[in-house]
């Protein structure tokens, strides 16, 4: 039978709590860093049709959101574009 050594370390409840919180904090930071929008999404411009497919909404709803300032849009000539980062930010904020 294989024997193992057991090391006993004396810690206070406060030290133990601090160590647990540091571990939880680092895991949460890893999680949120992993799920932040990528740099590609921040500058990706979507056409009206692409935006409609992503949001699964009607053309009229998208037009109303643009006119009411709910979802910012950008014009290049006579074309309208939406930034993916704006769409993600609006979905997260829910304002």
Foldseek 3Di string as FASTA:
>chain_A
DDDDDDDDDDDDPVVVVVVVVVVVVVVVVVVVVVPDDDPCQQADKDFLVRVCVVVVDDSVVVVVCCVVVLFDWDDDPNTIIGRSVSVVVSVVVVD
